[in-house]
Amino acid sequence: MSSKDLFGVILAGGVGTRFWPLSRETMPKQILKVAGDDSLLQGTIKRLSSIIPTKKISIVTNSEQAELIKLHLASEVKEKKSAQISADVGFIIEPFGRNTAPAIGLAALELIKKNPDAVMAVFPADHLIKNIPAFKRAISGAVIAAREGYLVTFGIKPSSPETGYGYIKSEKKGEKKYGSVNGRNIERFVEKPNLVRAKKYLKEGSYFWNSGIFIWKASVILEQLKVHTPSVYKGLKAINEGRDILKAYKLIESISIDNGVMEQAQRALVIEAPFGWSDVGSWASLDEAAKPNKEGNIIKGRVVDIGSEGSFIIGSDRVLATIGLKDIVVVDTPDATLVCPRNRAEEVKDMVGLLKKKDYVEHQRHVTIQRPWGTYTVLEEGVSYKIKKISVTPGKRLSLQSHKKRSEHWVVIKGQASITCGDEKIKLKKNESTYIPVGVKHRLENLSKTVPLEIIEVQNGSYLGEDDITRFDDDFKRS
């Protein structure tokens, strides 16, 4: 397959709420390792790099998640040489998420600048595909159709009456061959059905699960956005003319590519996917990513089990003991535990909504947060105080910063710290401490090239949110 005009686009702006409590806003599903040694995103990049040169693959995400993803891919490169491919991927960054239509439109603008005839192969970041040779053949056929001006998507032949997927109804006649695969015109898209309708779709035979994978020319999708979603196109046009992207995005409609374009498009084509596929959408589908034991259980972490069947039991650092579970999901993390029947795993997203409503931070972050310079772990938090354990990677330093509403007290527990506090520079070793007053510029640095620096930080103040940071200088170019 000639790939001169072919570019890969990976959509990586979601959180994956149905995988809570492992997935959080600060640990989205695509960077979880639910299927082997690679994260879902890493697996997607590897899969595409066998078809498209890595330098022609772009990740589309919002500004908040871009930092997390870059950090994740950088750590993967450091851990294993096989992850080096991730270092070459590009980023197309939205100021904030506006669903898939604006994200795809923004990517199309960028690709047309590189090649006016660019063909976009658009993939979600969190899918599993098992048959790679068949996947390559299917992409090759889809590119042929895309070059003819079609909007192409892949449909998955249903194996069960699934209510967690959207469906595509294809026309029964007019099938046409593209390379080694067959395409049919799309009659309509269907939202996630109830069980009765899902059974009907399975029986009828002309319905497919909507894979969320698309192939089309960048110029064609932009024209379709202009026709069907004028609000999105108007914002994209403003960005293309050099206007402020933040202002433009505030005016852009939040809409999916399915609702905005595919449901109205005349030249939309569905190709039955010949490759094994799963979007690992919820805990109920985990057995598509990992192999159950002879009792039908998937067990990970420090778990001790007696007599459970058909259950997913995921532990963390502490011991998790289970007895006689049947078709139950148990996921334990340091700060939250999920227990639910497998057949109600789709409702985890509703639970996350409830956590948000109650203003519980556990929907948003884990107790340990990764940063470009290392990690921090919240040990305890209360009214007007917060205690953290901060670990700074050898040779790294935090930004030069100040806080408007809190002071900080630092105690070194491992390594040696170099500290800037106002006009003063000091060095502290284990068991030594210092105080950072409210409003004073300060910086923490690990001068060692081999030993991590660990400190205990005690914050005091009227507001202790992570957004109370004014940065004056930052090695990682954060605002």
Protein backbone atom coordinates (compact mmCIF):
# COMPACT_ATOMS: atom_id res chain seq x y z
CA MET A 1 0.00 0.00 0.00
CA SER A 2 1.41 3.37 -1.03
CA SER A 3 1.37 5.55 2.05
CA LYS A 4 2.69 8.83 0.64
CA ASP A 5 -0.64 10.57 1.29
CA LEU A 6 -1.68 8.48 4.34
CA PHE A 7 -1.56 9.93 7.86
CA GLY A 8 -2.57 8.45 11.20
CA VAL A 9 -4.67 10.38 13.72
CA ILE A 10 -5.23 9.02 17.24
CA LEU A 11 -8.05 10.54 19.29
CA ALA A 12 -6.93 10.56 22.91
CA GLY A 13 -9.04 13.10 24.75
CA GLY A 14 -11.34 10.83 26.74
CA VAL A 15 -11.11 9.61 30.33
CA GLY A 16 -12.82 6.22 30.19
CA THR A 17 -15.15 6.68 33.15
CA ARG A 18 -16.41 3.09 32.95
CA PHE A 19 -12.93 1.93 34.03
CA TRP A 20 -13.07 3.82 37.32
CA PRO A 21 -11.46 3.57 39.87
CA LEU A 22 -8.34 2.80 37.78
CA SER A 23 -9.17 5.49 35.21
CA ARG A 24 -9.36 9.07 36.47
CA GLU A 25 -9.05 12.47 34.85
CA THR A 26 -5.35 12.37 35.76
CA MET A 27 -5.00 8.73 34.64
CA PRO A 28 -7.21 8.25 31.55
CA LYS A 29 -8.03 4.78 30.27
CA GLN A 30 -5.77 4.99 27.23
CA ILE A 31 -2.62 5.04 29.39
CA LEU A 32 -3.68 2.05 31.50
CA LYS A 33 -2.04 -1.33 30.94
CA VAL A 34 -5.08 -3.58 30.77
CA ALA A 35 -3.74 -5.91 28.08
CA GLY A 36 -0.11 -6.84 28.66
CA ASP A 37 2.99 -4.70 29.05
CA ASP A 38 1.83 -1.86 26.81
CA SER A 39 -0.80 0.72 27.56
CA LEU A 40 -3.78 0.88 25.20
CA LEU A 41 -2.32 4.03 23.63
CA GLN A 42 1.10 2.45 23.24
CA GLY A 43 -0.51 -0.56 21.54
CA THR A 44 -2.38 1.75 19.16
CA ILE A 45 0.81 3.57 18.20
CA LYS A 46 2.67 0.29 17.60
CA ARG A 47 -0.17 -1.07 15.50
CA LEU A 48 -0.30 2.02 13.29
CA SER A 49 3.47 2.26 12.96
CA SER A 50 3.43 -1.03 11.04
CA ILE A 51 1.39 0.76 8.35
CA ILE A 52 2.19 4.47 8.67
CA PRO A 53 5.61 5.99 9.48
CA THR A 54 5.56 7.16 13.09
CA LYS A 55 6.42 10.73 12.12
CA LYS A 56 3.13 10.82 10.19
CA ILE A 57 1.07 9.82 13.24
CA SER A 58 -0.48 12.53 15.41
CA ILE A 59 -2.23 12.33 18.77
CA VAL A 60 -5.17 14.71 19.17
CA THR A 61 -5.91 15.60 22.77
CA ASN A 62 -6.68 18.55 25.01
CA SER A 63 -4.07 20.68 26.74
CA GLU A 64 -4.56 19.04 30.16
CA GLN A 65 -4.16 15.47 28.91
CA ALA A 66 -1.32 16.31 26.52
CA GLU A 67 1.05 16.71 29.46
CA LEU A 68 -0.07 13.38 30.96
CA ILE A 69 0.30 11.55 27.65
CA LYS A 70 3.71 13.02 26.85
CA LEU A 71 4.91 12.04 30.32
CA HIS A 72 3.49 8.53 29.89
CA LEU A 73 5.15 8.00 26.50
CA ALA A 74 8.46 9.43 27.76
CA SER A 75 8.47 7.03 30.70
CA GLU A 76 7.73 4.13 28.34
CA VAL A 77 10.69 5.08 26.15
CA LYS A 78 12.92 5.15 29.24
CA GLU A 79 11.70 1.77 30.48
CA LYS A 80 12.06 -0.21 27.26
CA LYS A 81 13.72 0.30 23.92
CA SER A 82 10.70 -1.17 22.10
CA ALA A 83 8.75 1.95 23.07
CA GLN A 84 11.12 4.25 21.15
CA ILE A 85 8.54 4.58 18.36
CA SER A 86 6.43 6.71 20.69
CA ALA A 87 9.09 9.43 20.76
CA ASP A 88 8.39 10.40 17.14
CA VAL A 89 4.62 10.90 17.25
CA GLY A 90 3.26 14.41 16.90
CA PHE A 91 0.62 16.22 18.92
CA ILE A 92 -2.36 18.31 17.84
CA ILE A 93 -3.58 20.04 20.99
CA GLU A 94 -7.05 21.42 21.60
CA PRO A 95 -7.41 24.03 24.36
CA PHE A 96 -10.20 21.83 25.78
CA GLY A 97 -12.33 18.93 24.57
CA ARG A 98 -15.24 19.63 22.21
CA ASN A 99 -16.04 16.03 21.18
CA THR A 100 -14.77 14.26 18.07
CA ALA A 101 -16.00 16.50 15.22
CA PRO A 102 -13.89 19.56 16.20
CA ALA A 103 -10.92 17.31 17.09
CA ILE A 104 -11.01 15.62 13.68
CA GLY A 105 -11.52 18.95 11.92
CA LEU A 106 -8.50 20.47 13.68
CA ALA A 107 -6.39 17.47 12.65
CA ALA A 108 -7.61 17.78 9.05
CA LEU A 109 -6.48 21.42 8.93
CA GLU A 110 -2.99 20.41 10.06
CA LEU A 111 -2.69 17.52 7.60
CA ILE A 112 -3.79 19.55 4.57
CA LYS A 113 -0.88 21.89 5.28
CA LYS A 114 1.44 18.89 4.94
CA ASN A 115 -0.29 17.35 1.92
CA PRO A 116 -3.38 18.76 0.11
CA ASP A 117 -4.37 15.19 -0.81
CA ALA A 118 -3.88 13.82 2.70
CA VAL A 119 -5.90 10.73 3.66
CA MET A 120 -6.67 10.54 7.38
CA ALA A 121 -6.88 7.22 9.19
CA VAL A 122 -8.62 8.12 12.47
CA PHE A 123 -8.44 5.77 15.45
CA PRO A 124 -9.54 5.89 19.09
CA ALA A 125 -6.62 5.49 21.49
CA ASP A 126 -8.14 2.70 23.59
CA HIS A 127 -9.04 -0.18 21.26
CA LEU A 128 -7.61 -3.69 20.95
CA ILE A 129 -7.13 -5.30 17.54
CA LYS A 130 -5.91 -8.88 17.41
CA ASN A 131 -5.41 -9.84 13.74
CA ILE A 132 -2.80 -7.35 12.52
CA PRO A 133 -2.35 -8.78 8.97
CA ALA A 134 -6.13 -8.58 8.43
CA PHE A 135 -6.10 -5.07 9.92
CA LYS A 136 -3.48 -3.95 7.40
CA ARG A 137 -5.45 -5.38 4.48
CA ALA A 138 -8.63 -3.69 5.68
CA ILE A 139 -6.91 -0.29 6.00
CA SER A 140 -5.48 -0.71 2.49
CA GLY A 141 -8.96 -1.32 1.05
CA ALA A 142 -10.48 1.55 3.01
CA VAL A 143 -7.81 3.95 1.69
CA ILE A 144 -8.83 3.05 -1.88
CA ALA A 145 -12.42 4.01 -1.11
CA ALA A 146 -11.33 7.18 0.69
CA ARG A 147 -9.34 8.30 -2.34
CA GLU A 148 -12.58 8.02 -4.31
CA GLY A 149 -14.17 10.54 -1.96
CA TYR A 150 -15.99 8.19 0.43
CA LEU A 151 -16.27 8.64 4.17
CA VAL A 152 -15.29 5.16 5.33
CA THR A 153 -15.84 3.49 8.67
CA PHE A 154 -15.41 -0.08 9.90
CA GLY A 155 -18.36 -2.05 11.23
CA ILE A 156 -17.93 -4.97 13.61
CA LYS A 157 -20.19 -7.95 13.03
CA PRO A 158 -22.14 -8.36 16.32
CA SER A 159 -21.51 -11.56 18.25
CA SER A 160 -24.07 -10.77 20.96
CA PRO A 161 -26.92 -8.28 21.61
CA GLU A 162 -24.60 -5.61 22.99
CA THR A 163 -26.25 -2.52 24.48
CA GLY A 164 -23.02 -0.63 25.14
CA TYR A 165 -22.19 0.11 21.48
CA GLY A 166 -23.72 2.30 18.81
CA TYR A 167 -24.82 0.49 15.63
CA ILE A 168 -24.55 1.07 11.88
CA LYS A 169 -27.26 -0.21 9.51
CA SER A 170 -25.89 -0.95 6.06
CA GLU A 171 -27.77 -1.17 2.78
CA LYS A 172 -28.29 -4.78 1.76
CA LYS A 173 -27.58 -4.18 -1.92
CA GLY A 174 -24.81 -2.45 -3.83
CA GLU A 175 -21.82 -4.09 -2.18
CA LYS A 176 -18.52 -3.12 -3.81
CA LYS A 177 -15.02 -4.54 -3.43
CA TYR A 178 -12.09 -2.38 -2.34
CA GLY A 179 -8.87 -4.35 -2.34
CA SER A 180 -9.57 -7.46 -0.26
CA VAL A 181 -12.59 -6.02 1.62
CA ASN A 182 -16.19 -5.22 0.72
CA GLY A 183 -17.97 -1.94 1.38
CA ARG A 184 -21.66 -1.06 1.58
CA ASN A 185 -23.41 2.28 1.70
CA ILE A 186 -24.61 3.29 5.15
CA GLU A 187 -28.38 3.53 5.60
CA ARG A 188 -28.34 5.01 9.10
CA PHE A 189 -26.56 5.21 12.45
CA VAL A 190 -28.30 3.99 15.60
CA GLU A 191 -27.61 5.12 19.17
CA LYS A 192 -26.95 2.53 21.87
CA PRO A 193 -30.11 0.36 21.90
CA ASN A 194 -31.98 -1.39 24.68
CA LEU A 195 -31.72 -5.18 24.91
CA VAL A 196 -34.86 -5.85 22.84
CA ARG A 197 -33.61 -3.77 19.92
CA ALA A 198 -30.08 -5.16 20.22
CA LYS A 199 -31.47 -8.68 19.84
CA LYS A 200 -33.44 -7.55 16.78
CA TYR A 201 -30.34 -6.02 15.19
CA LEU A 202 -28.36 -9.20 15.81
CA LYS A 203 -31.02 -11.31 14.13
CA GLU A 204 -31.51 -9.06 11.11
CA GLY A 205 -27.88 -9.27 9.99
CA SER A 206 -27.39 -5.89 8.29
CA TYR A 207 -26.36 -4.09 11.49
CA PHE A 208 -22.79 -3.62 12.69
CA TRP A 209 -21.24 -2.31 15.87
CA ASN A 210 -19.81 1.15 15.29
CA SER A 211 -16.03 0.81 15.69
CA GLY A 212 -15.26 4.54 15.74
CA ILE A 213 -12.48 4.02 13.17
CA PHE A 214 -12.66 6.30 10.11
CA ILE A 215 -10.74 6.72 6.83
CA TRP A 216 -11.26 9.76 4.56
CA LYS A 217 -9.50 12.56 2.75
CA ALA A 218 -8.84 15.56 4.95
CA SER A 219 -10.31 17.87 2.31
CA VAL A 220 -13.50 15.79 2.10
CA ILE A 221 -14.18 15.75 5.85
CA LEU A 222 -13.62 19.51 6.06
CA GLU A 223 -16.13 20.04 3.26
CA GLN A 224 -18.62 17.79 5.06
CA LEU A 225 -18.10 19.72 8.30
CA LYS A 226 -18.81 22.93 6.37
CA VAL A 227 -22.09 21.53 5.05
CA HIS A 228 -23.40 19.73 8.15
CA THR A 229 -21.82 21.53 11.12
CA PRO A 230 -21.37 25.21 10.15
CA SER A 231 -20.58 26.19 13.77
CA VAL A 232 -17.64 23.78 13.88
CA TYR A 233 -16.40 24.81 10.43
CA LYS A 234 -16.65 28.53 11.25
CA GLY A 235 -14.44 28.03 14.31
CA LEU A 236 -11.95 25.91 12.38
CA LYS A 237 -11.80 28.52 9.63
CA ALA A 238 -11.03 31.22 12.21
CA ILE A 239 -8.20 29.08 13.62
CA ASN A 240 -6.85 28.48 10.11
CA GLU A 241 -6.80 32.23 9.53
CA GLY A 242 -4.59 32.67 12.58
CA ARG A 243 -7.15 33.80 15.13
CA ASP A 244 -6.93 32.86 18.80
CA ILE A 245 -7.68 29.13 19.17
CA LEU A 246 -9.05 29.51 22.70
CA LYS A 247 -11.63 32.09 21.63
CA ALA A 248 -12.55 30.06 18.55
CA TYR A 249 -13.04 26.87 20.56
CA LYS A 250 -15.38 28.58 23.00
CA LEU A 251 -17.74 29.23 20.07
CA ILE A 252 -17.44 25.77 18.49
CA GLU A 253 -20.33 23.37 19.03
CA SER A 254 -19.51 20.25 21.04
CA ILE A 255 -20.64 17.41 18.77
CA SER A 256 -19.47 13.94 17.72
CA ILE A 257 -18.42 13.16 14.16
CA ASP A 258 -21.22 10.57 13.99
CA ASN A 259 -23.98 13.03 14.95
CA GLY A 260 -22.44 15.97 13.13
CA VAL A 261 -21.46 14.41 9.81
CA MET A 262 -21.86 10.66 9.34
CA GLU A 263 -25.62 10.57 10.01
CA GLN A 264 -26.20 13.12 7.22
CA ALA A 265 -23.44 12.28 4.73
CA GLN A 266 -24.41 10.91 1.30
CA ARG A 267 -21.18 9.10 0.46
CA ALA A 268 -20.67 7.17 3.69
CA LEU A 269 -19.39 3.62 3.45
CA VAL A 270 -19.13 0.81 5.99
CA ILE A 271 -16.60 -2.00 5.62
CA GLU A 272 -17.12 -5.13 7.66
CA ALA A 273 -13.98 -5.40 9.79
CA PRO A 274 -12.17 -8.70 9.19
CA PHE A 275 -10.00 -8.25 12.29
CA GLY A 276 -10.67 -9.09 15.93
CA TRP A 277 -11.73 -5.91 17.73
CA SER A 278 -12.65 -4.68 21.20
CA ASP A 279 -12.92 -1.21 22.65
CA VAL A 280 -12.55 -2.64 26.19
CA GLY A 281 -15.36 -0.28 27.07
CA SER A 282 -16.01 -1.39 30.63
CA TRP A 283 -14.97 -3.88 33.29
CA ALA A 284 -17.49 -6.33 31.82
CA SER A 285 -15.37 -6.61 28.66
CA LEU A 286 -12.04 -7.13 30.42
CA ASP A 287 -11.97 -10.80 29.38
CA GLU A 288 -11.50 -9.59 25.78
CA ALA A 289 -8.18 -8.06 26.82
CA ALA A 290 -6.91 -10.56 29.39
CA LYS A 291 -7.25 -14.34 29.51
CA PRO A 292 -9.42 -15.69 32.36
CA ASN A 293 -8.22 -18.65 34.43
CA LYS A 294 -10.00 -22.03 34.41
CA GLU A 295 -12.65 -20.71 36.83
CA GLY A 296 -13.35 -17.78 34.51
CA ASN A 297 -11.71 -15.26 36.82
CA ILE A 298 -9.27 -12.50 35.93
CA ILE A 299 -7.14 -11.82 39.00
CA LYS A 300 -4.38 -9.20 39.27
CA GLY A 301 -2.45 -7.70 42.15
CA ARG A 302 -2.10 -8.95 45.75
CA VAL A 303 -5.26 -11.04 45.69
CA VAL A 304 -6.09 -14.17 47.69
CA ASP A 305 -9.26 -15.90 46.49
CA ILE A 306 -11.25 -18.97 47.47
CA GLY A 307 -13.90 -20.40 45.19
CA SER A 308 -14.84 -17.42 43.02
CA GLU A 309 -16.14 -17.88 39.46
CA GLY A 310 -16.49 -15.59 36.45
CA SER A 311 -15.24 -12.59 38.42
CA PHE A 312 -12.72 -9.80 37.83
CA ILE A 313 -10.68 -9.14 40.98
CA ILE A 314 -8.09 -6.38 40.66
CA GLY A 315 -5.98 -5.53 43.70
CA SER A 316 -3.29 -2.96 44.43
CA ASP A 317 -0.54 -2.84 47.08
CA ARG A 318 -2.62 -4.06 50.02
CA VAL A 319 -3.96 -7.62 50.24
CA LEU A 320 -7.43 -8.14 48.77
CA ALA A 321 -9.18 -11.31 50.03
CA THR A 322 -12.30 -12.69 48.31
CA ILE A 323 -14.46 -15.76 48.89
CA GLY A 324 -17.13 -17.32 46.69
CA LEU A 325 -17.80 -14.43 44.33
CA LYS A 326 -19.78 -15.16 41.17
CA ASP A 327 -19.82 -12.78 38.20
CA ILE A 328 -18.64 -9.88 40.35
CA VAL A 329 -16.20 -7.03 39.60
CA VAL A 330 -13.92 -5.92 42.44
CA VAL A 331 -11.33 -3.21 41.76
CA ASP A 332 -9.29 -1.94 44.70
CA THR A 333 -7.03 1.12 44.65
CA PRO A 334 -5.34 2.97 47.55
CA ASP A 335 -8.20 5.47 47.85
CA ALA A 336 -11.30 3.85 46.30
CA THR A 337 -12.84 0.40 45.81
CA LEU A 338 -15.47 -0.67 43.28
CA VAL A 339 -17.73 -3.70 43.82
CA CYS A 340 -20.51 -4.46 41.33
CA PRO A 341 -22.11 -7.32 39.34
CA ARG A 342 -20.52 -7.82 35.92
CA ASN A 343 -23.87 -7.30 34.21
CA ARG A 344 -24.10 -3.79 35.72
CA ALA A 345 -20.56 -2.67 34.89
CA GLU A 346 -21.89 -0.15 32.35
CA GLU A 347 -23.31 1.81 35.29
CA VAL A 348 -19.83 2.67 36.58
CA LYS A 349 -19.99 5.84 34.47
CA ASP A 350 -23.11 6.82 36.44
CA MET A 351 -21.20 6.24 39.66
CA VAL A 352 -18.47 8.62 38.46
CA GLY A 353 -21.17 11.19 37.78
CA LEU A 354 -22.43 10.74 41.33
CA LEU A 355 -18.91 11.20 42.71
CA LYS A 356 -18.61 14.45 40.76
CA LYS A 357 -21.96 15.61 42.08
CA LYS A 358 -20.82 14.95 45.64
CA ASP A 359 -17.54 16.76 44.88
CA TYR A 360 -15.39 13.73 45.79
CA VAL A 361 -11.88 14.18 44.38
CA GLU A 362 -11.62 10.42 43.80
CA HIS A 363 -13.35 10.81 40.44
CA GLN A 364 -10.56 13.10 39.32
CA ARG A 365 -7.24 11.85 40.62
CA HIS A 366 -5.38 9.04 42.34
CA VAL A 367 -3.49 9.65 45.57
CA THR A 368 -0.23 9.46 43.57
CA ILE A 369 0.09 11.91 40.68
CA GLN A 370 2.77 11.83 37.99
CA ARG A 371 4.50 15.03 37.00
CA PRO A 372 7.32 15.63 34.47
CA TRP A 373 9.76 16.01 37.38
CA GLY A 374 8.57 12.97 39.41
CA THR A 375 5.50 12.21 41.55
CA TYR A 376 3.58 13.38 44.56
CA THR A 377 1.33 11.37 46.86
CA VAL A 378 -1.35 12.94 49.04
CA LEU A 379 -0.93 11.31 52.46
CA GLU A 380 -3.61 13.25 54.33
CA GLU A 381 -5.90 16.18 53.70
CA GLY A 382 -8.17 18.20 55.96
CA VAL A 383 -9.58 21.67 56.54
CA SER A 384 -6.78 24.17 55.78
CA TYR A 385 -3.99 21.56 55.57
CA LYS A 386 -2.60 18.92 53.20
CA ILE A 387 0.34 16.54 53.62
CA LYS A 388 2.21 15.22 50.58
CA LYS A 389 5.15 12.97 49.87
CA ILE A 390 7.08 14.44 46.93
CA SER A 391 9.62 12.43 44.91
CA VAL A 392 11.87 14.30 42.47
CA THR A 393 13.61 12.30 39.73
CA PRO A 394 17.43 12.59 39.66
CA GLY A 395 18.51 15.70 37.76
CA LYS A 396 14.99 17.22 37.67
CA ARG A 397 13.52 20.32 39.28
CA LEU A 398 10.09 21.82 39.81
CA SER A 399 9.13 25.17 38.31
CA LEU A 400 10.07 28.45 39.95
CA GLN A 401 6.68 29.28 41.46
CA SER A 402 4.66 30.94 44.17
CA HIS A 403 1.28 30.42 45.86
CA LYS A 404 -1.26 33.08 46.78
CA LYS A 405 -3.15 31.18 49.46
CA ARG A 406 -0.83 28.66 51.10
CA SER A 407 2.51 28.26 52.82
CA GLU A 408 4.63 25.11 52.70
CA HIS A 409 6.97 23.34 55.12
CA TRP A 410 9.46 20.87 53.60
CA VAL A 411 11.30 18.03 55.39
CA VAL A 412 13.88 15.97 53.45
CA ILE A 413 13.53 12.23 54.05
CA LYS A 414 15.85 10.95 51.27
CA GLY A 415 18.58 12.48 49.13
CA GLN A 416 19.71 16.10 49.08
CA ALA A 417 17.57 19.09 48.09
CA SER A 418 18.65 22.31 46.46
CA ILE A 419 16.08 24.97 47.37
CA THR A 420 15.44 28.48 46.11
CA CYS A 421 13.35 30.57 48.53
CA GLY A 422 13.09 34.21 47.53
CA ASP A 423 16.65 35.53 47.13
CA GLU A 424 18.12 32.71 49.22
CA LYS A 425 19.54 29.41 47.96
CA ILE A 426 20.10 26.56 50.41
CA LYS A 427 20.89 22.85 50.42
CA LEU A 428 19.13 20.42 52.75
CA LYS A 429 19.99 16.82 53.52
CA LYS A 430 17.99 14.09 55.27
CA ASN A 431 16.17 15.22 58.48
CA GLU A 432 16.61 18.93 57.65
CA SER A 433 13.71 21.26 56.87
CA THR A 434 12.70 24.71 55.62
CA TYR A 435 9.64 26.96 55.43
CA ILE A 436 8.15 28.61 52.31
CA PRO A 437 5.93 31.61 53.19
CA VAL A 438 2.81 32.57 51.22
CA GLY A 439 3.64 34.50 48.03
CA VAL A 440 7.39 33.83 48.04
CA LYS A 441 9.01 32.53 44.84
CA HIS A 442 10.53 29.11 45.42
CA ARG A 443 11.90 26.05 43.65
CA LEU A 444 12.86 22.49 44.59
CA GLU A 445 15.65 20.68 42.74
CA ASN A 446 17.35 17.28 42.88
CA LEU A 447 21.03 17.80 42.03
CA SER A 448 21.84 14.08 42.20
CA LYS A 449 22.07 12.18 38.92
CA THR A 450 21.36 8.82 40.57
CA VAL A 451 19.39 9.18 43.83
CA PRO A 452 15.73 10.30 43.96
CA LEU A 453 14.94 13.20 46.27
CA GLU A 454 12.02 12.62 48.66
CA ILE A 455 10.48 15.22 50.91
CA ILE A 456 7.39 15.54 53.09
CA GLU A 457 5.46 18.72 52.33
CA VAL A 458 2.94 20.18 54.77
CA GLN A 459 0.68 22.82 53.24
CA ASN A 460 -1.34 25.31 55.28
CA GLY A 461 -3.78 27.87 53.92
CA SER A 462 -7.30 28.91 53.01
CA TYR A 463 -7.12 27.14 49.61
CA LEU A 464 -4.96 24.13 48.73
CA GLY A 465 -5.93 23.41 45.11
CA GLU A 466 -3.30 22.50 42.52
CA ASP A 467 -4.31 25.52 40.43
CA ASP A 468 -2.91 27.93 43.03
CA ILE A 469 0.43 28.02 41.25
CA THR A 470 2.01 31.00 39.51
CA ARG A 471 4.95 29.81 37.41
CA PHE A 472 7.84 32.14 36.57
CA ASP A 473 10.19 29.61 34.96
CA ASP A 474 9.57 25.99 34.00
CA ASP A 475 11.77 23.39 32.31
CA PHE A 476 8.66 21.69 30.92
CA LYS A 477 7.07 24.79 29.34
CA ARG A 478 3.86 24.60 31.37
CA SER A 479 1.77 27.74 31.70
